[in-house]
PDB file of N, CA and C in Angstrom:
ATOM      1  N   MET A   1      89.759 143.719 104.511  1.00  0.00           N
ATOM      2  CA  MET A   1      89.413 142.348 104.657  1.00  0.00           C
ATOM      3  C   MET A   1      89.378 141.499 105.992  1.00  0.00           C
ATOM      4  N   ILE A   2      88.052 141.316 106.562  1.00  0.00           N
ATOM      5  CA  ILE A   2      87.655 140.728 107.547  1.00  0.00           C
ATOM      6  C   ILE A   2      88.709 138.989 108.004  1.00  0.00           C
ATOM      7  N   LYS A   3      88.827 138.856 108.795  1.00  0.00           N
ATOM      8  CA  LYS A   3      90.034 137.810 109.189  1.00  0.00           C
ATOM      9  C   LYS A   3      89.088 136.890 110.041  1.00  0.00           C
ATOM     10  N   ASN A   4      88.535 135.585 110.079  1.00  0.00           N
ATOM     11  CA  ASN A   4      87.898 134.692 111.373  1.00  0.00           C
ATOM     12  C   ASN A   4      89.140 134.145 111.357  1.00  0.00           C
ATOM     13  N   ILE A   5      89.146 134.305 112.865  1.00  0.00           N
ATOM     14  CA  ILE A   5      89.968 133.842 114.226  1.00  0.00           C
ATOM     15  C   ILE A   5      89.999 132.800 114.048  1.00  0.00           C
ATOM     16  N   TYR A   6      89.284 131.507 113.727  1.00  0.00           N
ATOM     17  CA  TYR A   6      89.366 130.231 113.200  1.00  0.00           C
ATOM     18  C   TYR A   6      90.433 129.439 112.151  1.00  0.00           C
ATOM     19  N   GLY A   7      90.195 130.714 110.688  1.00  0.00           N
ATOM     20  CA  GLY A   7      90.545 130.881 109.675  1.00  0.00           C
ATOM     21  C   GLY A   7      92.126 130.809 109.316  1.00  0.00           C
ATOM     22  N   LEU A   8      92.592 131.331 110.311  1.00  0.00           N
ATOM     23  CA  LEU A   8      93.705 131.693 110.247  1.00  0.00           C
ATOM     24  C   LEU A   8      94.806 130.803 110.766  1.00  0.00           C
ATOM     25  N   ASN A   9      94.633 129.319 109.743  1.00  0.00           N
ATOM     26  CA  ASN A   9      95.700 128.055 109.759  1.00  0.00           C
ATOM     27  C   ASN A   9      95.976 127.694 111.121  1.00  0.00           C
ATOM     28  N   SER A  10      94.648 127.651 112.100  1.00  0.00           N
ATOM     29  CA  SER A  10      95.007 126.792 113.181  1.00  0.00           C
ATOM     30  C   SER A  10      95.874 125.783 113.805  1.00  0.00           C
ATOM     31  N   VAL A  11      96.719 125.074 112.637  1.00  0.00           N
ATOM     32  CA  VAL A  11      97.338 123.949 112.266  1.00  0.00           C
ATOM     33  C   VAL A  11      99.206 124.790 112.788  1.00  0.00           C
ATOM     34  N   ASN A  12      98.990 125.897 112.284  1.00  0.00           N
ATOM     35  CA  ASN A  12     100.020 126.259 111.329  1.00  0.00           C
ATOM     36  C   ASN A  12     100.598 126.980 112.910  1.00  0.00           C
ATOM     37  N   TRP A  13      99.693 127.674 113.680  1.00  0.00           N
ATOM     38  CA  TRP A  13      99.898 128.493 114.945  1.00  0.00           C
ATOM     39  C   TRP A  13     100.223 127.388 116.087  1.00  0.00           C
ATOM     40  N   ILE A  14      99.876 125.926 116.346  1.00  0.00           N
ATOM     41  CA  ILE A  14      99.815 124.611 117.177  1.00  0.00           C
ATOM     42  C   ILE A  14     101.143 123.781 116.758  1.00  0.00           C
ATOM     43  N   ASN A  15     101.322 124.178 115.176  1.00  0.00           N
ATOM     44  CA  ASN A  15     102.333 123.556 114.995  1.00  0.00           C
ATOM     45  C   ASN A  15     104.534 124.447 115.492  1.00  0.00           C
ATOM     46  N   VAL A  16     103.792 125.673 115.180  1.00  0.00           N
ATOM     47  CA  VAL A  16     104.800 127.593 115.623  1.00  0.00           C
ATOM     48  C   VAL A  16     105.033 126.752 117.452  1.00  0.00           C
ATOM     49  N   LEU A  17     103.747 126.899 118.266  1.00  0.00           N
ATOM     50  CA  LEU A  17     103.669 126.541 119.419  1.00  0.00           C
ATOM     51  C   LEU A  17     104.428 125.409 120.053  1.00  0.00           C
ATOM     52  N   LEU A  18     104.428 124.314 119.540  1.00  0.00           N
ATOM     53  CA  LEU A  18     105.017 123.045 119.653  1.00  0.00           C
ATOM     54  C   LEU A  18     106.568 123.406 119.426  1.00  0.00           C
ATOM     55  N   VAL A  19     106.553 123.806 118.579  1.00  0.00           N
ATOM     56  CA  VAL A  19     108.585 124.035 117.676  1.00  0.00           C
ATOM     57  C   VAL A  19     109.250 125.193 118.884  1.00  0.00           C
ATOM     58  N   ILE A  20     108.216 125.726 119.211  1.00  0.00           N
ATOM     59  CA  ILE A  20     108.838 126.588 120.512  1.00  0.00           C
ATOM     60  C   ILE A  20     108.590 125.852 122.410  1.00  0.00           C
ATOM     61  N   VAL A  21     107.834 124.650 122.494  1.00  0.00           N
ATOM     62  CA  VAL A  21     108.213 124.143 123.500  1.00  0.00           C
ATOM     63  C   VAL A  21     109.121 123.262 123.394  1.00  0.00           C
ATOM     64  N   LEU A  22     109.268 122.919 122.519  1.00  0.00           N
ATOM     65  CA  LEU A  22     110.307 121.482 122.255  1.00  0.00           C
ATOM     66  C   LEU A  22     111.840 122.467 122.257  1.00  0.00           C
ATOM     67  N   THR A  23     111.867 123.153 121.765  1.00  0.00           N
ATOM     68  CA  THR A  23     113.024 124.050 121.636  1.00  0.00           C
ATOM     69  C   THR A  23     113.441 124.365 122.831  1.00  0.00           C
ATOM     70  N   SER A  24     112.668 125.044 123.820  1.00  0.00           N
ATOM     71  CA  SER A  24     112.799 125.675 124.713  1.00  0.00           C
ATOM     72  C   SER A  24     113.109 124.403 125.978  1.00  0.00           C
ATOM     73  N   PHE A  25     112.694 122.827 125.777  1.00  0.00           N
ATOM     74  CA  PHE A  25     112.942 122.043 126.368  1.00  0.00           C
ATOM     75  C   PHE A  25     114.143 121.541 126.407  1.00  0.00           C
ATOM     76  N   ALA A  26     114.576 121.562 125.072  1.00  0.00           N
ATOM     77  CA  ALA A  26     115.814 121.021 124.254  1.00  0.00           C
ATOM     78  C   ALA A  26     117.051 122.096 124.528  1.00  0.00           C
ATOM     79  N   THR A  27     116.985 122.978 124.928  1.00  0.00           N
ATOM     80  CA  THR A  27     117.613 124.496 125.471  1.00  0.00           C
ATOM     81  C   THR A  27     117.917 124.036 127.186  1.00  0.00           C
ATOM     82  N   MET A  28     117.092 123.602 127.860  1.00  0.00           N
ATOM     83  CA  MET A  28     116.730 123.605 129.012  1.00  0.00           C
ATOM     84  C   MET A  28     117.989 122.451 130.076  1.00  0.00           C
ATOM     85  N   PHE A  29     117.624 121.537 128.547  1.00  0.00           N
ATOM     86  CA  PHE A  29     118.118 120.126 129.155  1.00  0.00           C
ATOM     87  C   PHE A  29     119.688 120.168 128.522  1.00  0.00           C
ATOM     88  N   ALA A  30     120.186 120.644 127.605  1.00  0.00           N
ATOM     89  CA  ALA A  30     121.463 120.812 127.325  1.00  0.00           C
ATOM     90  C   ALA A  30     122.224 121.825 128.249  1.00  0.00           C
ATOM     91  N   MET A  31     121.605 123.132 128.665  1.00  0.00           N
ATOM     92  CA  MET A  31     122.253 123.568 130.077  1.00  0.00           C
ATOM     93  C   MET A  31     121.895 122.571 131.425  1.00  0.00           C
ATOM     94  N   ALA A  32     121.289 122.161 131.620  1.00  0.00           N
ATOM     95  CA  ALA A  32     121.481 120.933 132.740  1.00  0.00           C
ATOM     96  C   ALA A  32     122.553 119.894 132.165  1.00  0.00           C
ATOM     97  N   ASN A  33     123.153 119.782 130.801  1.00  0.00           N
ATOM     98  CA  ASN A  33     124.239 118.508 131.284  1.00  0.00           C
ATOM     99  C   ASN A  33     125.165 118.983 130.423  1.00  0.00           C
ATOM    100  N   GLN A  34     125.983 119.799 131.179  1.00  0.00           N
ATOM    101  CA  GLN A  34     126.818 120.208 130.886  1.00  0.00           C
ATOM    102  C   GLN A  34     128.161 119.274 131.071  1.00  0.00           C
ATOM    103  N   LEU A  35     128.308 118.556 131.778  1.00  0.00           N
ATOM    104  CA  LEU A  35     129.214 117.782 132.228  1.00  0.00           C
ATOM    105  C   LEU A  35     129.819 116.973 130.515  1.00  0.00           C
ATOM    106  N   THR A  36     131.055 116.748 130.982  1.00  0.00           N
ATOM    107  CA  THR A  36     131.740 116.102 129.024  1.00  0.00           C
ATOM    108  C   THR A  36     132.362 114.766 129.459  1.00  0.00           C
ATOM    109  N   VAL A  37     132.041 113.908 128.217  1.00  0.00           N
ATOM    110  CA  VAL A  37     132.088 112.635 128.373  1.00  0.00           C
ATOM    111  C   VAL A  37     133.388 112.116 127.361  1.00  0.00           C
ATOM    112  N   ARG A  38     133.708 111.106 127.299  1.00  0.00           N
ATOM    113  CA  ARG A  38     134.498 110.545 125.932  1.00  0.00           C
ATOM    114  C   ARG A  38     133.240 109.522 125.342  1.00  0.00           C
ATOM    115  N   VAL A  39     133.378 109.721 124.008  1.00  0.00           N
ATOM    116  CA  VAL A  39     132.147 108.606 123.395  1.00  0.00           C
ATOM    117  C   VAL A  39     133.346 107.530 123.065  1.00  0.00           C
ATOM    118  N   HIS A  40     133.013 106.406 123.085  1.00  0.00           N
ATOM    119  CA  HIS A  40     134.017 105.284 121.896  1.00  0.00           C
ATOM    120  C   HIS A  40     133.124 104.119 121.415  1.00  0.00           C
ATOM    121  N   PHE A  41     133.060 104.227 120.439  1.00  0.00           N
ATOM    122  CA  PHE A  41     132.144 103.564 119.299  1.00  0.00           C
ATOM    123  C   PHE A  41     132.643 103.083 118.222  1.00  0.00           C
ATOM    124  N   LEU A  42     132.585 101.883 117.912  1.00  0.00           N
ATOM    125  CA  LEU A  42     133.193 101.015 116.862  1.00  0.00           C
ATOM    126  C   LEU A  42     134.647 101.137 116.927  1.00  0.00           C
ATOM    127  N   GLY A  43     135.797 101.151 117.843  1.00  0.00           N
ATOM    128  CA  GLY A  43     137.246 101.175 117.661  1.00  0.00           C
ATOM    129  C   GLY A  43     136.953 102.948 117.323  1.00  0.00           C
ATOM    130  N   VAL A  44     136.286 104.158 117.379  1.00  0.00           N
ATOM    131  CA  VAL A  44     136.346 105.271 117.228  1.00  0.00           C
ATOM    132  C   VAL A  44     136.553 106.010 118.491  1.00  0.00           C
ATOM    133  N   SER A  45     137.508 106.661 118.783  1.00  0.00           N
ATOM    134  CA  SER A  45     137.078 108.005 120.083  1.00  0.00           C
ATOM    135  C   SER A  45     136.944 109.136 120.268  1.00  0.00           C
ATOM    136  N   SER A  46     135.828 110.082 120.662  1.00  0.00           N
ATOM    137  CA  SER A  46     135.690 111.104 119.920  1.00  0.00           C
ATOM    138  C   SER A  46     136.544 112.011 121.360  1.00  0.00           C
ATOM    139  N   ALA A  47     136.652 113.056 121.550  1.00  0.00           N
ATOM    140  CA  ALA A  47     137.006 114.108 121.974  1.00  0.00           C
ATOM    141  C   ALA A  47     136.196 114.385 123.382  1.00  0.00           C
ATOM    142  N   ASP A  48     136.703 115.150 124.241  1.00  0.00           N
ATOM    143  CA  ASP A  48     135.500 115.096 125.781  1.00  0.00           C
ATOM    144  C   ASP A  48     133.879 115.845 124.979  1.00  0.00           C
ATOM    145  N   ILE A  49     133.401 115.991 124.927  1.00  0.00           N
ATOM    146  CA  ILE A  49     131.841 116.421 124.735  1.00  0.00           C
ATOM    147  C   ILE A  49     130.875 116.830 125.734  1.00  0.00           C
ATOM    148  N   PRO A  50     130.112 118.150 125.731  1.00  0.00           N
ATOM    149  CA  PRO A  50     128.824 117.730 126.467  1.00  0.00           C
ATOM    150  C   PRO A  50     128.088 116.654 126.794  1.00  0.00           C
ATOM    151  N   VAL A  51     127.576 116.284 127.879  1.00  0.00           N
ATOM    152  CA  VAL A  51     126.574 114.882 127.346  1.00  0.00           C
ATOM    153  C   VAL A  51     125.580 114.986 126.957  1.00  0.00           C
ATOM    154  N   TYR A  52     124.665 116.163 126.409  1.00  0.00           N
ATOM    155  CA  TYR A  52     123.561 116.381 125.743  1.00  0.00           C
ATOM    156  C   TYR A  52     123.893 115.773 124.189  1.00  0.00           C
ATOM    157  N   VAL A  53     125.328 116.679 123.509  1.00  0.00           N
ATOM    158  CA  VAL A  53     125.431 116.165 122.419  1.00  0.00           C
ATOM    159  C   VAL A  53     125.827 114.308 121.944  1.00  0.00           C
ATOM    160  N   PRO A  54     125.523 113.609 122.270  1.00  0.00           N
ATOM    161  CA  PRO A  54     125.855 112.552 121.758  1.00  0.00           C
ATOM    162  C   PRO A  54     124.163 111.887 122.031  1.00  0.00           C
ATOM    163  N   ILE A  55     123.019 112.607 123.218  1.00  0.00           N
ATOM    164  CA  ILE A  55     122.111 112.159 123.460  1.00  0.00           C
ATOM    165  C   ILE A  55     121.452 112.772 121.926  1.00  0.00           C
ATOM    166  N   PHE A  56     121.460 114.112 121.865  1.00  0.00           N
ATOM    167  CA  PHE A  56     120.638 114.944 120.460  1.00  0.00           C
ATOM    168  C   PHE A  56     120.927 113.861 119.496  1.00  0.00           C
ATOM    169  N   ILE A  57     122.112 113.642 119.253  1.00  0.00           N
ATOM    170  CA  ILE A  57     122.402 112.470 118.190  1.00  0.00           C
ATOM    171  C   ILE A  57     121.896 111.331 118.061  1.00  0.00           C
ATOM    172  N   SER A  58     121.571 110.798 118.724  1.00  0.00           N
ATOM    173  CA  SER A  58     120.863 109.440 118.917  1.00  0.00           C
ATOM    174  C   SER A  58     119.212 110.058 118.683  1.00  0.00           C
ATOM    175  N   PHE A  59     118.701 110.951 118.995  1.00  0.00           N
ATOM    176  CA  PHE A  59     117.329 111.606 118.869  1.00  0.00           C
ATOM    177  C   PHE A  59     117.494 111.615 117.458  1.00  0.00           C
ATOM    178  N   PHE A  60     117.856 112.251 117.090  1.00  0.00           N
ATOM    179  CA  PHE A  60     118.111 112.812 115.493  1.00  0.00           C
ATOM    180  C   PHE A  60     118.116 111.725 114.632  1.00  0.00           C
ATOM    181  N   LEU A  61     119.020 110.694 115.179  1.00  0.00           N
ATOM    182  CA  LEU A  61     119.517 109.223 114.351  1.00  0.00           C
ATOM    183  C   LEU A  61     118.064 108.437 114.195  1.00  0.00           C
ATOM    184  N   GLY A  62     117.431 108.676 115.195  1.00  0.00           N
ATOM    185  CA  GLY A  62     116.025 107.758 115.899  1.00  0.00           C
ATOM    186  C   GLY A  62     114.974 108.631 114.860  1.00  0.00           C
ATOM    187  N   PHE A  63     115.064 109.682 114.994  1.00  0.00           N
ATOM    188  CA  PHE A  63     113.828 110.606 114.430  1.00  0.00           C
ATOM    189  C   PHE A  63     113.678 110.352 113.315  1.00  0.00           C
ATOM    190  N   ALA A  64     115.426 110.307 111.914  1.00  0.00           N
ATOM    191  CA  ALA A  64     115.450 110.080 111.126  1.00  0.00           C
ATOM    192  C   ALA A  64     115.073 109.017 109.917  1.00  0.00           C
ATOM    193  N   GLY A  65     114.950 108.031 111.326  1.00  0.00           N
ATOM    194  CA  GLY A  65     115.211 106.264 110.770  1.00  0.00           C
ATOM    195  C   GLY A  65     113.743 106.224 111.076  1.00  0.00           C
ATOM    196  N   GLY A  66     112.526 106.793 112.035  1.00  0.00           N
ATOM    197  CA  GLY A  66     111.317 107.042 111.687  1.00  0.00           C
ATOM    198  C   GLY A  66     110.422 107.553 109.921  1.00  0.00           C
ATOM    199  N   VAL A  67     111.169 108.253 110.066  1.00  0.00           N
ATOM    200  CA  VAL A  67     110.760 109.387 109.110  1.00  0.00           C
ATOM    201  C   VAL A  67     110.691 108.429 107.576  1.00  0.00           C
ATOM    202  N   LEU A  68     112.169 107.666 107.572  1.00  0.00           N
ATOM    203  CA  LEU A  68     112.265 107.007 106.450  1.00  0.00           C
ATOM    204  C   LEU A  68     111.781 105.809 106.371  1.00  0.00           C
ATOM    205  N   ALA A  69     111.210 105.240 107.737  1.00  0.00           N
ATOM    206  CA  ALA A  69     110.296 104.140 107.769  1.00  0.00           C
ATOM    207  C   ALA A  69     109.024 104.404 107.497  1.00  0.00           C
ATOM    208  N   LEU A  70     108.355 105.716 107.802  1.00  0.00           N
ATOM    209  CA  LEU A  70     107.250 106.265 108.118  1.00  0.00           C
ATOM    210  C   LEU A  70     106.503 106.053 105.937  1.00  0.00           C
ATOM    211  N   SER A  71     107.913 106.785 105.501  1.00  0.00           N
ATOM    212  CA  SER A  71     107.960 107.334 103.838  1.00  0.00           C
ATOM    213  C   SER A  71     107.815 106.006 102.824  1.00  0.00           C
ATOM    214  N   PHE A  72     108.416 105.003 103.692  1.00  0.00           N
ATOM    215  CA  PHE A  72     108.666 103.472 102.639  1.00  0.00           C
ATOM    216  C   PHE A  72     106.915 103.125 102.627  1.00  0.00           C
ATOM    217  N   SER A  73     106.320 103.487 104.251  1.00  0.00           N
ATOM    218  CA  SER A  73     105.120 102.677 104.346  1.00  0.00           C
ATOM    219  C   SER A  73     104.234 103.541 103.686  1.00  0.00           C
ATOM    220  N   ARG A  74     104.494 105.059 103.493  1.00  0.00           N
ATOM    221  CA  ARG A  74     103.472 105.749 102.804  1.00  0.00           C
ATOM    222  C   ARG A  74     103.225 105.331 101.447  1.00  0.00           C
ATOM    223  N   ARG A  75     104.307 105.151 100.939  1.00  0.00           N
ATOM    224  CA  ARG A  75     104.276 105.479  99.851  1.00  0.00           C
ATOM    225  C   ARG A  75     103.624 103.998  99.123  1.00  0.00           C
ATOM    226  N   LYS A  76     104.384 102.464  99.987  1.00  0.00           N
ATOM    227  CA  LYS A  76     103.490 101.484  99.778  1.00  0.00           C
ATOM    228  C   LYS A  76     101.701 101.492  99.984  1.00  0.00           C
ATOM    229  N   HIS A  77     101.657 102.024 101.285  1.00  0.00           N
ATOM    230  CA  HIS A  77      99.748 102.951 100.766  1.00  0.00           C
ATOM    231  C   HIS A  77      99.241 103.274  99.966  1.00  0.00           C
ATOM    232  N   LYS A  78     100.213 104.768  99.031  1.00  0.00           N
ATOM    233  CA  LYS A  78      99.763 105.266  98.395  1.00  0.00           C
ATOM    234  C   LYS A  78      99.578 104.424  96.677  1.00  0.00           C
ATOM    235  N   GLN A  79     100.502 103.377  96.282  1.00  0.00           N
ATOM    236  CA  GLN A  79     100.040 102.450  95.791  1.00  0.00           C
ATOM    237  C   GLN A  79      99.200 101.277  95.165  1.00  0.00           C
ATOM    238  N   GLU A  80      98.560 100.931  97.202  1.00  0.00           N
ATOM    239  CA  GLU A  80      97.635 100.292  97.363  1.00  0.00           C
ATOM    240  C   GLU A  80      96.481 100.340  97.285  1.00  0.00           C
ATOM    241  N   ILE A  81      96.409 102.287  97.238  1.00  0.00           N
ATOM    242  CA  ILE A  81      95.196 103.442  96.994  1.00  0.00           C
ATOM    243  C   ILE A  81      94.853 103.096  95.839  1.00  0.00           C
ATOM    244  N   SER A  82      95.728 103.358  94.578  1.00  0.00           N
ATOM    245  CA  SER A  82      95.624 104.009  93.453  1.00  0.00           C
ATOM    246  C   SER A  82      95.542 102.769  92.838  1.00  0.00           C
ATOM    247  N   TRP A  83      95.811 100.953  92.969  1.00  0.00           N
ATOM    248  CA  TRP A  83      95.306 100.104  92.742  1.00  0.00           C
ATOM    249  C   TRP A  83      94.334  99.802  92.850  1.00  0.00           C
ATOM    250  N   LEU A  84      93.547 100.118  94.265  1.00  0.00           N
ATOM    251  CA  LEU A  84      92.089  99.800  94.837  1.00  0.00           C
ATOM    252  C   LEU A  84      91.465 100.419  93.526  1.00  0.00           C
ATOM    253  N   LYS A  85      91.850 101.991  94.002  1.00  0.00           N
ATOM    254  CA  LYS A  85      90.931 102.786  92.265  1.00  0.00           C
ATOM    255  C   LYS A  85      90.526 102.217  91.505  1.00  0.00           C
ATOM    256  N   ASN A  86      91.709 101.951  90.760  1.00  0.00           N
ATOM    257  CA  ASN A  86      91.539 101.181  89.321  1.00  0.00           C
ATOM    258  C   ASN A  86      90.696 100.246  89.274  1.00  0.00           C
ATOM    259  N   GLU A  87      91.081  99.568  90.554  1.00  0.00           N
ATOM    260  CA  GLU A  87      89.621  98.018  90.510  1.00  0.00           C
ATOM    261  C   GLU A  87      88.155  98.385  90.556  1.00  0.00           C
ATOM    262  N   HIS A  88      88.460  99.628  91.632  1.00  0.00           N
ATOM    263  CA  HIS A  88      87.161 100.597  91.582  1.00  0.00           C
ATOM    264  C   HIS A  88      86.624 100.706  90.380  1.00  0.00           C
ATOM    265  N   GLU A  89      87.102 101.567  89.478  1.00  0.00           N
ATOM    266  CA  GLU A  89      86.340 102.061  88.191  1.00  0.00           C
ATOM    267  C   GLU A  89      86.653 101.153  87.223  1.00  0.00           C
ATOM    268  N   ARG A  90      87.010  99.932  86.933  1.00  0.00           N
ATOM    269  CA  ARG A  90      86.769  98.385  86.229  1.00  0.00           C
ATOM    270  C   ARG A  90      85.597  97.775  86.669  1.00  0.00           C
ATOM    271  N   LEU A  91      85.523  97.815  87.855  1.00  0.00           N
ATOM    272  CA  LEU A  91      84.384  96.842  88.322  1.00  0.00           C
ATOM    273  C   LEU A  91      82.708  98.005  88.467  1.00  0.00           C
ATOM    274  N   GLN A  92      82.956  98.984  88.635  1.00  0.00           N
ATOM    275  CA  GLN A  92      81.730 100.319  88.354  1.00  0.00           C
ATOM    276  C   GLN A  92      81.117  99.953  87.073  1.00  0.00           C
ATOM    277  N   GLN A  93      82.500 100.007  85.923  1.00  0.00           N
ATOM    278  CA  GLN A  93      82.462  99.652  84.402  1.00  0.00           C
ATOM    279  C   GLN A  93      81.234  98.745  83.698  1.00  0.00           C
ATOM    280  N   GLU A  94      82.057  97.613  84.957  1.00  0.00           N
ATOM    281  CA  GLU A  94      81.394  96.090  84.734  1.00  0.00           C
ATOM    282  C   GLU A  94      79.703  96.052  85.597  1.00  0.00           C
ATOM    283  N   VAL A  95      79.730  96.749  85.985  1.00  0.00           N
ATOM    284  CA  VAL A  95      78.401  97.116  86.744  1.00  0.00           C
ATOM    285  C   VAL A  95      77.162  97.822  86.109  1.00  0.00           C
ATOM    286  N   ASP A  96      78.041  99.211  84.981  1.00  0.00           N
ATOM    287  CA  ASP A  96      77.302  99.743  84.793  1.00  0.00           C
ATOM    288  C   ASP A  96      76.742  99.459  83.320  1.00  0.00           C
ATOM    289  N   ASN A  97      77.491  98.183  82.645  1.00  0.00           N
ATOM    290  CA  ASN A  97      77.245  97.345  81.750  1.00  0.00           C
ATOM    291  C   ASN A  97      76.712  96.155  81.555  1.00  0.00           C
ATOM    292  N   LEU A  98      76.706  95.608  83.165  1.00  0.00           N
ATOM    293  CA  LEU A  98      75.196  94.820  83.104  1.00  0.00           C
ATOM    294  C   LEU A  98      74.090  95.484  83.323  1.00  0.00           C
ATOM    295  N   ARG A  99      74.097  96.296  84.185  1.00  0.00           N
ATOM    296  CA  ARG A  99      72.270  97.462  84.062  1.00  0.00           C
ATOM    297  C   ARG A  99      71.985  97.725  82.568  1.00  0.00           C
ATOM    298  N   ASN A 100      73.510  98.019  81.955  1.00  0.00           N
ATOM    299  CA  ASN A 100      72.489  98.563  80.477  1.00  0.00           C
ATOM    300  C   ASN A 100      72.183  97.447  79.471  1.00  0.00           C
ATOM    301  N   ILE A 101      72.383  96.269  80.035  1.00  0.00           N
ATOM    302  CA  ILE A 101      71.594  94.731  78.786  1.00  0.00           C
ATOM    303  C   ILE A 101      70.689  94.860  78.983  1.00  0.00           C
ATOM    304  N   PRO A 102      69.884  94.924  77.575  1.00  0.00           N
ATOM    305  CA  PRO A 102      68.393  94.963  77.468  1.00  0.00           C
ATOM    306  C   PRO A 102      67.881  93.586  78.320  1.00  0.00           C
ATOM    307  N   LEU A 103      67.219  93.402  78.687  1.00  0.00           N
ATOM    308  CA  LEU A 103      66.301  92.363  79.390  1.00  0.00           C
ATOM    309  C   LEU A 103      65.130  91.235  77.886  1.00  0.00           C
ATOM    310  N   GLN A 104      65.632  90.003  78.153  1.00  0.00           N
ATOM    311  CA  GLN A 104      65.477  89.613  76.795  1.00  0.00           C
ATOM    312  C   GLN A 104      63.839  88.795  77.626  1.00  0.00           C
ATOM    313  N   ASP A 105      62.647  88.798  76.991  1.00  0.00           N
ATOM    314  CA  ASP A 105      61.326  87.681  77.409  1.00  0.00           C
ATOM    315  C   ASP A 105      61.926  86.415  77.122  1.00  0.00           C
ATOM    316  N   ASP A 106      61.588  85.554  77.649  1.00  0.00           N
ATOM    317  CA  ASP A 106      61.032  83.928  77.006  1.00  0.00           C
ATOM    318  C   ASP A 106      60.054  84.006  76.858  1.00  0.00           C
ATOM    319  N   VAL A 107      59.539  83.863  75.448  1.00  0.00           N
ATOM    320  CA  VAL A 107      58.594  83.654  75.124  1.00  0.00           C
ATOM    321  C   VAL A 107      58.138  82.139  74.593  1.00  0.00           C
TER     322      VAL A 107
END
């Protein structure tokens, strides 16, 4: 079987490359930020943890919030698209009915 170079799901290769690059940046960031900090939040204090841990946690919480907001927006738009398709079908049926009405001559 002959495979086309452009047909090998090039988007998947871009995603893999993006994951590798982001993982390498995250690893380099973690290796460069080994200092320990103590986090105090809402009266709760943590043990000494590397500085990259709270940064990664805040990044992932923000990412999760963005994905959640996007999913609600996407759901709303899908419902609107469905409503518009139904409205289009109804109006198209009305146009077809009007086109099929026989013409009457006024004599």
